[in-house]
Amino acid sequence: MKYSKVTGAVRWSGGTTLLERGMSAAEDHPLVVERPDLFTDEAPGARLADPAAPAAQGPPQVERATREPGETRKTKRAPAQPQSAGDAQGSADE
């Protein structure tokens, strides 16, 4: 088994082939035979990295969307914008 050393489009007598670094090909493949400079016997390293360790242990912290009975919220709603007379629904113009 041979492995590509390059990434890109390669022109050869069989046309144009897209290679990606680490792509495998049989040793008797026409492209490998014609362009041995593009391939190596050395297998590539793993492509998947180890997952990152979670920063915090335990269940994730999730904000509650509703309040508990008797709980008061510290935020206030923005005051409503007054509607102009022309924007009011049910005006006499209809």
N, C-alpha and C. Protein backbone atom coordinates (compact mmCIF):
# COMPACT_ATOMS: atom_id res chain seq x y z
N MET A 1 0.85 -1.17 0.00
CA MET A 1 0.00 0.00 0.00
C MET A 1 0.90 1.23 0.00
N LYS A 2 0.53 2.21 -0.81
CA LYS A 2 1.23 3.48 -0.89
C LYS A 2 0.29 4.59 -0.43
N TYR A 3 0.89 5.68 0.07
CA TYR A 3 0.12 6.80 0.59
C TYR A 3 0.59 8.10 -0.06
N SER A 4 -0.37 8.93 -0.44
CA SER A 4 -0.07 10.19 -1.11
C SER A 4 0.68 11.14 -0.17
N LYS A 5 1.68 11.82 -0.74
CA LYS A 5 2.44 12.82 0.02
C LYS A 5 1.93 14.23 -0.24
N VAL A 6 1.01 14.37 -1.19
CA VAL A 6 0.56 15.70 -1.61
C VAL A 6 -0.96 15.80 -1.60
N THR A 7 -1.44 17.04 -1.63
CA THR A 7 -2.86 17.31 -1.80
C THR A 7 -2.99 18.22 -3.01
N GLY A 8 -3.86 17.83 -3.94
CA GLY A 8 -4.08 18.65 -5.12
C GLY A 8 -4.41 17.81 -6.34
N ALA A 9 -4.57 18.49 -7.46
CA ALA A 9 -4.86 17.83 -8.73
C ALA A 9 -3.55 17.44 -9.39
N VAL A 10 -3.48 16.19 -9.83
CA VAL A 10 -2.26 15.66 -10.46
C VAL A 10 -2.59 15.23 -11.88
N ARG A 11 -1.81 15.76 -12.83
CA ARG A 11 -1.98 15.34 -14.23
C ARG A 11 -1.04 14.18 -14.51
N TRP A 12 -1.57 13.19 -15.20
CA TRP A 12 -0.76 12.04 -15.60
C TRP A 12 -1.38 11.45 -16.85
N SER A 13 -0.83 10.38 -17.40
CA SER A 13 -1.32 9.84 -18.68
C SER A 13 -2.77 9.36 -18.59
N GLY A 14 -3.27 9.08 -17.40
CA GLY A 14 -4.65 8.62 -17.23
C GLY A 14 -5.63 9.76 -17.03
N GLY A 15 -5.17 11.00 -17.11
CA GLY A 15 -6.05 12.15 -16.94
C GLY A 15 -5.60 13.00 -15.76
N THR A 16 -6.55 13.55 -15.06
CA THR A 16 -6.28 14.36 -13.88
C THR A 16 -6.95 13.68 -12.69
N THR A 17 -6.20 13.53 -11.61
CA THR A 17 -6.72 12.88 -10.41
C THR A 17 -6.52 13.79 -9.22
N LEU A 18 -7.55 13.89 -8.38
CA LEU A 18 -7.44 14.67 -7.15
C LEU A 18 -6.86 13.78 -6.05
N LEU A 19 -5.76 14.21 -5.50
CA LEU A 19 -5.14 13.48 -4.40
C LEU A 19 -5.26 14.29 -3.12
N GLU A 20 -5.34 13.58 -2.03
CA GLU A 20 -5.36 14.19 -0.71
C GLU A 20 -4.25 13.54 0.09
N ARG A 21 -3.51 14.33 0.83
CA ARG A 21 -2.39 13.81 1.61
C ARG A 21 -2.88 12.65 2.49
N GLY A 22 -2.18 11.52 2.42
CA GLY A 22 -2.55 10.35 3.20
C GLY A 22 -3.48 9.39 2.48
N MET A 23 -3.96 9.76 1.29
CA MET A 23 -4.86 8.89 0.53
C MET A 23 -4.10 7.62 0.13
N SER A 24 -4.75 6.49 0.28
CA SER A 24 -4.07 5.22 -0.02
C SER A 24 -4.34 4.78 -1.45
N ALA A 25 -3.38 4.02 -1.99
CA ALA A 25 -3.50 3.45 -3.33
C ALA A 25 -2.68 2.17 -3.37
N ALA A 26 -3.13 1.23 -4.18
CA ALA A 26 -2.39 -0.03 -4.33
C ALA A 26 -1.05 0.23 -5.00
N GLU A 27 -0.07 -0.58 -4.68
CA GLU A 27 1.28 -0.38 -5.24
C GLU A 27 1.32 -0.55 -6.75
N ASP A 28 0.37 -1.30 -7.31
CA ASP A 28 0.36 -1.52 -8.76
C ASP A 28 -0.62 -0.58 -9.49
N HIS A 29 -1.15 0.42 -8.79
CA HIS A 29 -2.04 1.39 -9.43
C HIS A 29 -1.24 2.16 -10.47
N PRO A 30 -1.82 2.41 -11.66
CA PRO A 30 -1.08 3.09 -12.73
C PRO A 30 -0.50 4.45 -12.31
N LEU A 31 -1.21 5.21 -11.51
CA LEU A 31 -0.70 6.51 -11.07
C LEU A 31 0.51 6.33 -10.16
N VAL A 32 0.49 5.35 -9.29
CA VAL A 32 1.62 5.09 -8.39
C VAL A 32 2.84 4.64 -9.20
N VAL A 33 2.60 3.81 -10.21
CA VAL A 33 3.70 3.32 -11.05
C VAL A 33 4.30 4.46 -11.85
N GLU A 34 3.44 5.34 -12.40
CA GLU A 34 3.91 6.45 -13.24
C GLU A 34 4.52 7.59 -12.43
N ARG A 35 3.97 7.88 -11.26
CA ARG A 35 4.45 9.02 -10.45
C ARG A 35 4.80 8.58 -9.03
N PRO A 36 5.84 7.75 -8.86
CA PRO A 36 6.20 7.26 -7.53
C PRO A 36 6.68 8.37 -6.59
N ASP A 37 7.07 9.52 -7.17
CA ASP A 37 7.53 10.65 -6.35
C ASP A 37 6.41 11.25 -5.50
N LEU A 38 5.15 10.96 -5.87
CA LEU A 38 4.02 11.51 -5.14
C LEU A 38 3.55 10.63 -3.98
N PHE A 39 4.16 9.45 -3.81
CA PHE A 39 3.70 8.49 -2.83
C PHE A 39 4.82 8.03 -1.92
N THR A 40 4.41 7.53 -0.75
CA THR A 40 5.36 7.02 0.23
C THR A 40 4.82 5.71 0.81
N ASP A 41 5.72 4.92 1.40
CA ASP A 41 5.32 3.67 2.06
C ASP A 41 4.82 3.93 3.48
N GLU A 42 5.17 5.10 4.01
CA GLU A 42 4.85 5.43 5.40
C GLU A 42 3.37 5.77 5.54
N ALA A 43 2.68 5.03 6.42
CA ALA A 43 1.26 5.28 6.66
C ALA A 43 1.09 6.61 7.40
N PRO A 44 0.05 7.36 7.07
CA PRO A 44 -0.18 8.63 7.76
C PRO A 44 -0.64 8.40 9.19
N GLY A 45 -0.50 9.43 10.01
CA GLY A 45 -0.97 9.37 11.39
C GLY A 45 -2.49 9.43 11.43
N ALA A 46 -3.03 9.29 12.60
CA ALA A 46 -4.47 9.34 12.78
C ALA A 46 -5.02 10.70 12.36
N ARG A 47 -6.16 10.70 11.70
CA ARG A 47 -6.75 11.96 11.25
C ARG A 47 -7.67 12.56 12.30
N LEU A 48 -8.16 11.73 13.20
CA LEU A 48 -9.05 12.23 14.25
C LEU A 48 -8.23 12.54 15.49
N ALA A 49 -8.38 13.74 15.98
CA ALA A 49 -7.69 14.14 17.20
C ALA A 49 -8.47 13.61 18.40
N ASP A 50 -7.78 13.45 19.51
CA ASP A 50 -8.45 13.04 20.74
C ASP A 50 -9.41 14.15 21.16
N PRO A 51 -10.58 13.78 21.64
CA PRO A 51 -11.52 14.83 22.06
C PRO A 51 -10.97 15.60 23.25
N ALA A 52 -11.29 16.86 23.30
CA ALA A 52 -10.83 17.71 24.39
C ALA A 52 -11.56 17.30 25.67
N ALA A 53 -10.84 17.37 26.77
CA ALA A 53 -11.45 17.05 28.06
C ALA A 53 -12.46 18.14 28.42
N PRO A 54 -13.59 17.77 28.99
CA PRO A 54 -14.56 18.80 29.36
C PRO A 54 -13.98 19.71 30.43
N ALA A 55 -14.30 20.99 30.33
CA ALA A 55 -13.75 21.98 31.26
C ALA A 55 -14.34 21.82 32.65
N ALA A 56 -15.62 21.55 32.75
CA ALA A 56 -16.26 21.44 34.06
C ALA A 56 -16.82 20.03 34.23
N GLN A 57 -16.71 19.51 35.42
CA GLN A 57 -17.26 18.19 35.71
C GLN A 57 -18.69 18.34 36.21
N GLY A 58 -19.50 17.33 36.00
CA GLY A 58 -20.87 17.37 36.46
C GLY A 58 -21.81 17.80 35.36
N PRO A 59 -23.08 17.92 35.70
CA PRO A 59 -24.06 18.29 34.67
C PRO A 59 -23.86 19.72 34.21
N PRO A 60 -24.20 20.02 32.96
CA PRO A 60 -24.05 21.39 32.47
C PRO A 60 -25.01 22.33 33.21
N GLN A 61 -24.59 23.57 33.34
CA GLN A 61 -25.42 24.58 33.99
C GLN A 61 -26.38 25.15 32.96
N VAL A 62 -27.68 25.04 33.24
CA VAL A 62 -28.71 25.51 32.31
C VAL A 62 -29.56 26.54 33.03
N GLU A 63 -29.79 27.65 32.38
CA GLU A 63 -30.62 28.71 32.95
C GLU A 63 -32.09 28.28 32.93
N ARG A 64 -32.79 28.51 34.01
CA ARG A 64 -34.22 28.20 34.07
C ARG A 64 -34.99 29.30 33.35
N ALA A 65 -35.97 28.91 32.56
CA ALA A 65 -36.76 29.89 31.82
C ALA A 65 -37.99 30.33 32.61
N THR A 66 -38.37 29.59 33.64
CA THR A 66 -39.54 29.96 34.43
C THR A 66 -39.12 30.18 35.87
N ARG A 67 -39.93 30.91 36.60
CA ARG A 67 -39.58 31.19 37.99
C ARG A 67 -40.24 30.17 38.91
N GLU A 68 -39.66 29.99 40.06
CA GLU A 68 -40.24 29.13 41.09
C GLU A 68 -41.38 29.91 41.76
N PRO A 69 -42.34 29.22 42.38
CA PRO A 69 -43.41 29.93 43.09
C PRO A 69 -42.81 30.83 44.17
N GLY A 70 -43.21 32.08 44.19
CA GLY A 70 -42.72 33.04 45.17
C GLY A 70 -41.42 33.72 44.79
N GLU A 71 -40.77 33.28 43.72
CA GLU A 71 -39.51 33.88 43.29
C GLU A 71 -39.80 35.16 42.51
N THR A 72 -38.99 36.18 42.72
CA THR A 72 -39.14 37.42 41.96
C THR A 72 -37.95 37.57 41.03
N ARG A 73 -38.20 38.09 39.90
CA ARG A 73 -37.13 38.30 38.91
C ARG A 73 -36.57 39.70 39.07
N LYS A 74 -35.29 39.86 38.75
CA LYS A 74 -34.63 41.15 38.91
C LYS A 74 -34.67 41.99 37.63
N THR A 75 -35.16 41.42 36.54
CA THR A 75 -35.21 42.18 35.29
C THR A 75 -36.55 42.85 35.13
N LYS A 76 -36.59 43.92 34.39
CA LYS A 76 -37.82 44.65 34.13
C LYS A 76 -38.03 44.73 32.64
N ARG A 77 -39.28 44.74 32.24
CA ARG A 77 -39.61 44.89 30.83
C ARG A 77 -39.42 46.33 30.39
N ALA A 78 -39.06 46.51 29.13
CA ALA A 78 -38.94 47.84 28.57
C ALA A 78 -40.33 48.43 28.44
N PRO A 79 -40.48 49.72 28.65
CA PRO A 79 -41.81 50.32 28.52
C PRO A 79 -42.31 50.20 27.09
N ALA A 80 -43.60 49.98 26.94
CA ALA A 80 -44.20 49.84 25.62
C ALA A 80 -44.17 51.18 24.90
N GLN A 81 -43.96 51.13 23.59
CA GLN A 81 -43.96 52.34 22.78
C GLN A 81 -45.40 52.75 22.50
N PRO A 82 -45.75 54.00 22.75
CA PRO A 82 -47.13 54.43 22.48
C PRO A 82 -47.40 54.40 20.99
N GLN A 83 -48.61 53.95 20.61
CA GLN A 83 -48.98 53.91 19.20
C GLN A 83 -49.50 55.27 18.77
N SER A 84 -49.18 55.65 17.55
CA SER A 84 -49.72 56.91 17.04
C SER A 84 -51.14 56.67 16.57
N ALA A 85 -51.92 57.71 16.42
CA ALA A 85 -53.34 57.59 16.06
C ALA A 85 -53.51 56.92 14.70
N GLY A 86 -52.57 57.11 13.76
CA GLY A 86 -52.68 56.52 12.43
C GLY A 86 -52.37 55.03 12.44
N ASP A 87 -51.63 54.55 13.44
CA ASP A 87 -51.26 53.15 13.51
C ASP A 87 -52.30 52.32 14.25
N ALA A 88 -53.20 52.96 14.97
CA ALA A 88 -54.14 52.22 15.80
C ALA A 88 -55.09 51.40 14.92
N GLN A 89 -55.40 50.21 15.37
CA GLN A 89 -56.29 49.35 14.61
C GLN A 89 -57.74 49.76 14.89
N GLY A 90 -58.58 49.52 13.95
CA GLY A 90 -59.99 49.81 14.12
C GLY A 90 -60.30 51.29 13.99
N SER A 91 -59.52 52.02 13.23
CA SER A 91 -59.78 53.46 13.08
C SER A 91 -61.00 53.68 12.20
N ALA A 92 -61.50 54.85 12.21
CA ALA A 92 -62.74 55.18 11.47
C ALA A 92 -62.53 55.17 9.97
N ASP A 93 -61.29 55.17 9.47
CA ASP A 93 -61.01 55.19 8.04
C ASP A 93 -61.39 53.88 7.36
N GLU A 94 -61.54 52.80 8.11
CA GLU A 94 -61.78 51.48 7.49
C GLU A 94 -63.17 51.24 7.09
